[in-house]
Amino acid sequence: MRQYDRLAKWVSGVSYGLLAFGIALGLLTKVPLLPLLFLALAGIFASQAYFQHQPKLTPEQKKEWLVKAVHFYRELGFFSEYGDLTDDKLATKLNSQYRRRMGESLDPTGPIPDLTLLEFDKSRLWLSDLECDVMPENQVYARIVKRLGEISRGAFQPTDISENWESDKGPIRVEFTLNGARHSFQPKYREDWMDTDFVFWIAKLFQDSEYKLAICPGNPITAAFLTLEERDRIKKERGLFFGMP
């Protein structure tokens, strides 16, 4: 991938994140954050304009990109459930699933294409829209804790998970037990939007662990458990950035 392609994808991802953050904060404070929203929209339009003016890839070029991406992430343990398939056959299978859902092939010139690919491995990747119907009856934060445990490669095994609301607008308290210790966090009430500080708080629990909760911010927010070496390799070879608190 060319240097400017990576820059455009980074700008696109950050801009979508700023847009989601600006909308959520605006809803919370009731104050329109117009400069932030304009900046986010400018970044989105600029990155999309860049890609629209790039030469269209042939089906063969798209397939070549996909096979290489599949091979790279399989080396890091992704897509392990498909161990009986070659990289080429797995690429074809994932592309067929994407075409049935979206009506087009996986495209390396789209916004953050690697995340689009990794979405197919739900055993390793967690993804959620920030506007996710957060309310008492939906127990969104408790479900997040459970899902992060499922993708943790054994590093995060929470038990006795609870999410309690004192009223429909909070305060909210989420608790779980990990390695014999009880942990508690109070997410901020943001109407039906997720308080992403909750996810970053969980990530801080793994600062001394081999596998760390690596987060790709934006909307949707995405996370996976990676080693530092894996995180750095993904950034260097694929241009995809995961942050670790």
Foldseek 3Di string as FASTA:
>chain_A
DDPVLLVLLVLLQVLQLLCLVQVLVCLVVVNRPVVSNVSSVVSNVVSVVVLVPDDDDDPVVQLVVQLVLQVVVVVVVFPVVPVVDHSSVVSVVLQVVVCVVPVDGQDPSDRPSSVVSSVVRQQFKDWDFQLAQDWDVVPVVLVVLVSCCSNAPNPRDWPPWDWDAPDRQGQIKIWTDTPRDIDIDGAHRRDRGGRCVSVLVVQVVCPPPQWGWWWSGHGTIMTGTHGPVVQVCCCVPVVGHTDGD
